[in-house]
Structure formats: structure tokens, C-alpha cells
């Protein structure tokens, strides 16, 4: 899978996390951690680790002006957190939405640079 495809997949996961957060609040449901949350979070974490390696290699090779390795690390940390938090209705709405928007913005910029070949 190319870095562009991986980045698009992570952007889709941002949207899915928002949808899941509102769905869980609407249903007033509490998920089973080991049956639902952990397997899903582990799958996303594996995807993020693979993406992080590819993105860091791309940064070292191409040295884009406005994308840095620390941003990649921040995206990975934030996504690992909000993917899990999106399952729980008790999560602060403002905090999770802002976190997802921040990651979405960074991923969109990276995707734009990748597509432009910068």
C-alpha cells in the first residue's frame, strides 16, 4: 500500500471516529473493552506504525518544507488516543472534535504534498 493510500485511509478513520463518537452518545452505549475497543485500536495502531515509518522515510528523502517528523509522531499519538476515546460517550465532545480536526488537517496537508510530489 502506498503512502498516499495509507494517508487517505487514516483520513477516513478520522471521519469514522467522529461518526462512532456521536453514535455511541446517541445510543448511550458502553462498549466491551476487550471485545470491541482493544481489537479495533490494535488494528489502527498497527496501521499507524506502518504509516509512520513510511511517512518518516518520505520526509527524510524529500525534505518537504512544511512537514516534519514531529508532526507525524503527534498524529500517531493523537489518533491512538481519539480512536479509543471515540468509543466512550463520557469523552469530552470539544476535546475529541478538536483533536480529530487537528489530525485531519495535518493528514490533509501531507496528502496534498504527496499528490503534488513535493
N, C-alpha and C. Protein backbone atom coordinates (compact mmCIF):
# COMPACT_ATOMS: atom_id res chain seq x y z
N UNK A 1 0.85 -1.18 0.00
CA UNK A 1 0.00 0.00 0.00
C UNK A 1 0.90 1.24 0.00
N UNK A 2 0.58 2.20 -0.85
CA UNK A 2 1.41 3.40 -0.95
C UNK A 2 1.11 4.35 0.21
N UNK A 3 2.01 5.30 0.40
CA UNK A 3 1.84 6.29 1.46
C UNK A 3 0.58 7.13 1.22
N UNK A 4 0.28 7.42 -0.03
CA UNK A 4 -0.94 8.18 -0.35
C UNK A 4 -2.18 7.39 0.08
N UNK A 5 -2.22 6.11 -0.24
CA UNK A 5 -3.36 5.27 0.15
C UNK A 5 -3.48 5.15 1.66
N UNK A 6 -2.35 4.99 2.33
CA UNK A 6 -2.36 4.90 3.79
C UNK A 6 -2.88 6.19 4.41
N UNK A 7 -2.45 7.32 3.87
CA UNK A 7 -2.88 8.62 4.39
C UNK A 7 -4.38 8.81 4.18
N UNK A 8 -4.88 8.42 3.02
CA UNK A 8 -6.32 8.50 2.76
C UNK A 8 -7.10 7.62 3.73
N UNK A 9 -6.56 6.46 4.01
CA UNK A 9 -7.21 5.53 4.94
C UNK A 9 -7.27 6.14 6.35
N UNK A 10 -6.22 6.83 6.76
CA UNK A 10 -6.22 7.47 8.08
C UNK A 10 -7.21 8.64 8.13
N UNK A 11 -7.34 9.36 7.04
CA UNK A 11 -8.33 10.44 6.98
C UNK A 11 -9.74 9.85 7.12
N UNK A 12 -9.98 8.73 6.46
CA UNK A 12 -11.27 8.05 6.60
C UNK A 12 -11.51 7.61 8.04
N UNK A 13 -10.45 7.18 8.71
CA UNK A 13 -10.58 6.76 10.11
C UNK A 13 -10.92 7.95 11.00
N UNK A 14 -10.41 9.13 10.68
CA UNK A 14 -10.79 10.34 11.43
C UNK A 14 -12.30 10.55 11.33
N UNK A 15 -12.82 10.46 10.12
CA UNK A 15 -14.26 10.64 9.91
C UNK A 15 -15.05 9.54 10.62
N UNK A 16 -14.54 8.31 10.57
CA UNK A 16 -15.22 7.20 11.24
C UNK A 16 -15.23 7.39 12.75
N UNK A 17 -14.17 7.97 13.30
CA UNK A 17 -14.11 8.20 14.75
C UNK A 17 -15.14 9.23 15.18
N UNK A 18 -15.33 10.27 14.39
CA UNK A 18 -16.36 11.27 14.70
C UNK A 18 -17.73 10.61 14.67
N UNK A 19 -17.99 9.86 13.60
CA UNK A 19 -19.29 9.18 13.48
C UNK A 19 -19.53 8.22 14.64
N UNK A 20 -18.51 7.45 14.99
CA UNK A 20 -18.63 6.48 16.08
C UNK A 20 -18.89 7.19 17.41
N UNK A 21 -18.20 8.30 17.64
CA UNK A 21 -18.38 9.06 18.87
C UNK A 21 -19.83 9.51 19.03
N UNK A 22 -20.40 10.09 17.98
CA UNK A 22 -21.79 10.57 18.06
C UNK A 22 -22.78 9.41 18.14
N UNK A 23 -22.47 8.32 17.46
CA UNK A 23 -23.34 7.14 17.51
C UNK A 23 -23.37 6.56 18.93
N UNK A 24 -22.22 6.47 19.56
CA UNK A 24 -22.16 5.92 20.92
C UNK A 24 -22.89 6.84 21.91
N UNK A 25 -22.79 8.14 21.70
CA UNK A 25 -23.51 9.08 22.58
C UNK A 25 -25.01 8.95 22.38
N UNK A 26 -25.41 8.81 21.12
CA UNK A 26 -26.83 8.70 20.80
C UNK A 26 -27.42 7.41 21.36
N UNK A 27 -26.68 6.32 21.25
CA UNK A 27 -27.16 5.03 21.74
C UNK A 27 -27.01 4.90 23.25
N UNK A 28 -26.25 5.80 23.86
CA UNK A 28 -25.97 5.75 25.30
C UNK A 28 -25.39 4.38 25.66
N UNK A 29 -24.47 3.92 24.81
CA UNK A 29 -23.90 2.58 24.96
C UNK A 29 -22.51 2.63 25.57
N UNK A 30 -22.16 1.56 26.26
CA UNK A 30 -20.81 1.38 26.78
C UNK A 30 -20.24 0.12 26.14
N UNK A 31 -19.16 0.25 25.38
CA UNK A 31 -18.62 -0.90 24.67
C UNK A 31 -17.87 -1.85 25.61
N UNK A 32 -17.70 -3.07 25.16
CA UNK A 32 -16.89 -4.04 25.88
C UNK A 32 -15.44 -3.83 25.44
N UNK A 33 -14.58 -3.49 26.39
CA UNK A 33 -13.22 -3.10 26.04
C UNK A 33 -12.47 -4.19 25.28
N UNK A 34 -12.41 -5.39 25.83
CA UNK A 34 -11.59 -6.44 25.22
C UNK A 34 -12.23 -7.06 23.98
N UNK A 35 -13.53 -6.92 23.82
CA UNK A 35 -14.20 -7.49 22.65
C UNK A 35 -14.32 -6.51 21.49
N UNK A 36 -14.49 -5.22 21.80
CA UNK A 36 -14.72 -4.23 20.75
C UNK A 36 -13.59 -3.22 20.62
N UNK A 37 -13.26 -2.56 21.71
CA UNK A 37 -12.33 -1.43 21.66
C UNK A 37 -10.90 -1.87 21.37
N UNK A 38 -10.37 -2.78 22.16
CA UNK A 38 -8.97 -3.17 22.03
C UNK A 38 -8.63 -3.77 20.67
N UNK A 39 -9.41 -4.71 20.14
CA UNK A 39 -9.06 -5.24 18.80
C UNK A 39 -9.06 -4.15 17.72
N UNK A 40 -10.03 -3.25 17.80
CA UNK A 40 -10.10 -2.16 16.82
C UNK A 40 -8.90 -1.23 16.97
N UNK A 41 -8.60 -0.85 18.22
CA UNK A 41 -7.47 0.05 18.48
C UNK A 41 -6.14 -0.59 18.08
N UNK A 42 -6.00 -1.88 18.31
CA UNK A 42 -4.77 -2.57 17.92
C UNK A 42 -4.58 -2.56 16.40
N UNK A 43 -5.68 -2.74 15.68
CA UNK A 43 -5.61 -2.72 14.21
C UNK A 43 -5.20 -1.33 13.71
N UNK A 44 -5.79 -0.30 14.31
CA UNK A 44 -5.45 1.08 13.92
C UNK A 44 -4.01 1.39 14.30
N UNK A 45 -3.57 0.93 15.46
CA UNK A 45 -2.20 1.19 15.89
C UNK A 45 -1.19 0.55 14.93
N UNK A 46 -1.47 -0.66 14.48
CA UNK A 46 -0.59 -1.31 13.50
C UNK A 46 -0.55 -0.50 12.20
N UNK A 47 -1.71 -0.02 11.77
CA UNK A 47 -1.79 0.81 10.57
C UNK A 47 -0.98 2.10 10.76
N UNK A 48 -1.10 2.71 11.93
CA UNK A 48 -0.38 3.95 12.23
C UNK A 48 1.13 3.73 12.26
N UNK A 49 1.56 2.63 12.85
CA UNK A 49 3.00 2.35 12.91
C UNK A 49 3.60 2.18 11.52
N UNK A 50 2.88 1.49 10.66
CA UNK A 50 3.32 1.30 9.28
C UNK A 50 3.36 2.64 8.54
N UNK A 51 2.32 3.45 8.74
CA UNK A 51 2.26 4.76 8.10
C UNK A 51 3.37 5.67 8.60
N UNK A 52 3.65 5.62 9.91
CA UNK A 52 4.68 6.47 10.50
C UNK A 52 6.05 6.17 9.89
N UNK A 53 6.37 4.90 9.73
CA UNK A 53 7.65 4.54 9.11
C UNK A 53 7.74 5.07 7.68
N UNK A 54 6.68 4.86 6.91
CA UNK A 54 6.67 5.31 5.52
C UNK A 54 6.73 6.83 5.43
N UNK A 55 5.97 7.51 6.29
CA UNK A 55 5.95 8.98 6.26
C UNK A 55 7.30 9.56 6.66
N UNK A 56 7.92 9.00 7.69
CA UNK A 56 9.23 9.50 8.11
C UNK A 56 10.28 9.27 7.03
N UNK A 57 10.22 8.12 6.36
CA UNK A 57 11.14 7.87 5.24
C UNK A 57 10.92 8.89 4.12
N UNK A 58 9.66 9.18 3.83
CA UNK A 58 9.33 10.17 2.79
C UNK A 58 9.88 11.55 3.18
N UNK A 59 9.73 11.92 4.45
CA UNK A 59 10.23 13.22 4.92
C UNK A 59 11.75 13.29 4.78
N UNK A 60 12.44 12.24 5.21
CA UNK A 60 13.91 12.23 5.11
C UNK A 60 14.37 12.31 3.66
N UNK A 61 13.65 11.64 2.78
CA UNK A 61 14.04 11.59 1.37
C UNK A 61 13.73 12.91 0.65
N UNK A 62 12.54 13.46 0.87
CA UNK A 62 12.08 14.62 0.10
C UNK A 62 12.23 15.95 0.82
N UNK A 63 12.40 15.92 2.12
CA UNK A 63 12.53 17.12 2.95
C UNK A 63 11.51 18.21 2.59
N UNK A 64 10.22 17.89 2.74
CA UNK A 64 9.19 18.90 2.45
C UNK A 64 9.32 20.07 3.42
N UNK A 65 9.00 21.24 2.92
CA UNK A 65 9.21 22.46 3.69
C UNK A 65 8.31 22.55 4.92
N UNK A 66 7.08 22.10 4.82
CA UNK A 66 6.11 22.31 5.91
C UNK A 66 5.65 21.03 6.60
N UNK A 67 6.37 19.94 6.43
CA UNK A 67 6.01 18.69 7.10
C UNK A 67 7.25 18.16 7.80
N UNK A 68 7.11 17.85 9.09
CA UNK A 68 8.25 17.42 9.89
C UNK A 68 7.92 16.13 10.65
N UNK A 69 8.95 15.41 11.05
CA UNK A 69 8.76 14.13 11.73
C UNK A 69 7.98 14.28 13.03
N UNK A 70 8.15 15.39 13.72
CA UNK A 70 7.42 15.59 14.98
C UNK A 70 5.91 15.65 14.72
N UNK A 71 5.50 16.18 13.58
CA UNK A 71 4.08 16.21 13.23
C UNK A 71 3.55 14.79 13.02
N UNK A 72 4.36 13.95 12.43
CA UNK A 72 3.97 12.56 12.21
C UNK A 72 3.77 11.87 13.56
N UNK A 73 4.70 12.08 14.47
CA UNK A 73 4.60 11.49 15.81
C UNK A 73 3.36 12.00 16.53
N UNK A 74 3.05 13.29 16.38
CA UNK A 74 1.87 13.87 17.02
C UNK A 74 0.58 13.28 16.46
N UNK A 75 0.54 13.06 15.15
CA UNK A 75 -0.63 12.43 14.52
C UNK A 75 -0.84 11.03 15.09
N UNK A 76 0.23 10.27 15.19
CA UNK A 76 0.13 8.89 15.70
C UNK A 76 -0.37 8.89 17.14
N UNK A 77 0.20 9.75 17.98
CA UNK A 77 -0.23 9.81 19.39
C UNK A 77 -1.69 10.22 19.50
N UNK A 78 -2.06 11.27 18.79
CA UNK A 78 -3.44 11.77 18.88
C UNK A 78 -4.44 10.73 18.36
N UNK A 79 -4.11 10.09 17.25
CA UNK A 79 -5.04 9.09 16.70
C UNK A 79 -5.18 7.90 17.62
N UNK A 80 -4.08 7.45 18.20
CA UNK A 80 -4.17 6.34 19.15
C UNK A 80 -5.11 6.69 20.30
N UNK A 81 -5.09 7.94 20.73
CA UNK A 81 -5.96 8.37 21.82
C UNK A 81 -7.41 8.50 21.37
N UNK A 82 -7.65 9.24 20.30
CA UNK A 82 -9.06 9.50 19.97
C UNK A 82 -9.79 8.31 19.37
N UNK A 83 -9.07 7.35 18.82
CA UNK A 83 -9.74 6.14 18.34
C UNK A 83 -10.37 5.41 19.52
N UNK A 84 -9.63 5.30 20.61
CA UNK A 84 -10.17 4.65 21.81
C UNK A 84 -11.25 5.52 22.45
N UNK A 85 -10.99 6.82 22.56
CA UNK A 85 -11.95 7.72 23.20
C UNK A 85 -13.27 7.79 22.44
N UNK A 86 -13.24 7.57 21.14
CA UNK A 86 -14.46 7.68 20.34
C UNK A 86 -15.49 6.60 20.69
N UNK A 87 -15.07 5.57 21.39
CA UNK A 87 -16.00 4.51 21.80
C UNK A 87 -16.78 4.89 23.06
N UNK A 88 -16.36 5.93 23.75
CA UNK A 88 -16.94 6.23 25.06
C UNK A 88 -17.69 7.55 25.05
N UNK A 89 -18.95 7.49 25.49
CA UNK A 89 -19.82 8.67 25.50
C UNK A 89 -19.36 9.71 26.51
N UNK A 90 -18.57 9.29 27.51
CA UNK A 90 -18.11 10.21 28.56
C UNK A 90 -17.02 11.16 28.07
N UNK A 91 -16.44 10.88 26.92
CA UNK A 91 -15.37 11.71 26.38
C UNK A 91 -15.88 13.12 26.11
N UNK A 92 -15.05 14.10 26.41
CA UNK A 92 -15.40 15.50 26.16
C UNK A 92 -15.57 15.73 24.66
N UNK A 93 -16.74 16.22 24.29
CA UNK A 93 -17.06 16.45 22.88
C UNK A 93 -16.08 17.45 22.25
N UNK A 94 -15.86 18.55 22.93
CA UNK A 94 -14.99 19.60 22.39
C UNK A 94 -13.56 19.07 22.18
N UNK A 95 -13.07 18.36 23.16
CA UNK A 95 -11.69 17.87 23.11
C UNK A 95 -11.49 16.87 21.97
N UNK A 96 -12.40 15.91 21.85
CA UNK A 96 -12.22 14.89 20.81
C UNK A 96 -12.39 15.49 19.41
N UNK A 97 -13.34 16.39 19.26
CA UNK A 97 -13.56 17.01 17.94
C UNK A 97 -12.34 17.83 17.54
N UNK A 98 -11.79 18.61 18.47
CA UNK A 98 -10.61 19.41 18.16
C UNK A 98 -9.40 18.54 17.84
N UNK A 99 -9.26 17.46 18.55
CA UNK A 99 -8.15 16.54 18.31
C UNK A 99 -8.27 15.90 16.92
N UNK A 100 -9.46 15.48 16.58
CA UNK A 100 -9.69 14.86 15.27
C UNK A 100 -9.48 15.89 14.15
N UNK A 101 -9.97 17.11 14.34
CA UNK A 101 -9.79 18.15 13.33
C UNK A 101 -8.32 18.47 13.11
N UNK A 102 -7.56 18.50 14.19
CA UNK A 102 -6.13 18.77 14.10
C UNK A 102 -5.41 17.70 13.29
N UNK A 103 -5.70 16.45 13.59
CA UNK A 103 -5.09 15.33 12.86
C UNK A 103 -5.55 15.34 11.40
N UNK A 104 -6.82 15.59 11.18
CA UNK A 104 -7.37 15.63 9.82
C UNK A 104 -6.66 16.70 9.00
N UNK A 105 -6.43 17.87 9.59
CA UNK A 105 -5.74 18.96 8.91
C UNK A 105 -4.32 18.55 8.53
N UNK A 106 -3.60 17.97 9.47
CA UNK A 106 -2.22 17.55 9.21
C UNK A 106 -2.18 16.48 8.13
N UNK A 107 -3.06 15.50 8.22
CA UNK A 107 -3.10 14.43 7.21
C UNK A 107 -3.47 14.98 5.83
N UNK A 108 -4.39 15.93 5.79
CA UNK A 108 -4.79 16.53 4.51
C UNK A 108 -3.63 17.28 3.87
N UNK A 109 -2.86 18.00 4.69
CA UNK A 109 -1.69 18.70 4.17
C UNK A 109 -0.64 17.73 3.65
N UNK A 110 -0.40 16.67 4.40
CA UNK A 110 0.57 15.66 3.95
C UNK A 110 0.10 15.04 2.64
N UNK A 111 -1.18 14.72 2.56
CA UNK A 111 -1.73 14.14 1.34
C UNK A 111 -1.56 15.09 0.16
N UNK A 112 -1.82 16.37 0.39
CA UNK A 112 -1.66 17.36 -0.68
C UNK A 112 -0.21 17.41 -1.17
N UNK A 113 0.75 17.42 -0.23
CA UNK A 113 2.16 17.44 -0.61
C UNK A 113 2.55 16.17 -1.36
N UNK A 114 2.02 15.03 -0.92
CA UNK A 114 2.32 13.77 -1.59
C UNK A 114 1.79 13.78 -3.02
N UNK A 115 0.57 14.27 -3.19
CA UNK A 115 -0.04 14.28 -4.52
C UNK A 115 0.62 15.29 -5.45
N UNK A 116 1.15 16.37 -4.87
CA UNK A 116 1.86 17.36 -5.67
C UNK A 116 3.29 16.92 -5.97
N UNK A 117 3.74 15.90 -5.26
CA UNK A 117 5.09 15.40 -5.47
C UNK A 117 6.16 16.27 -4.86
N UNK A 118 5.81 16.98 -3.79
CA UNK A 118 6.79 17.88 -3.14
C UNK A 118 7.55 17.15 -2.07
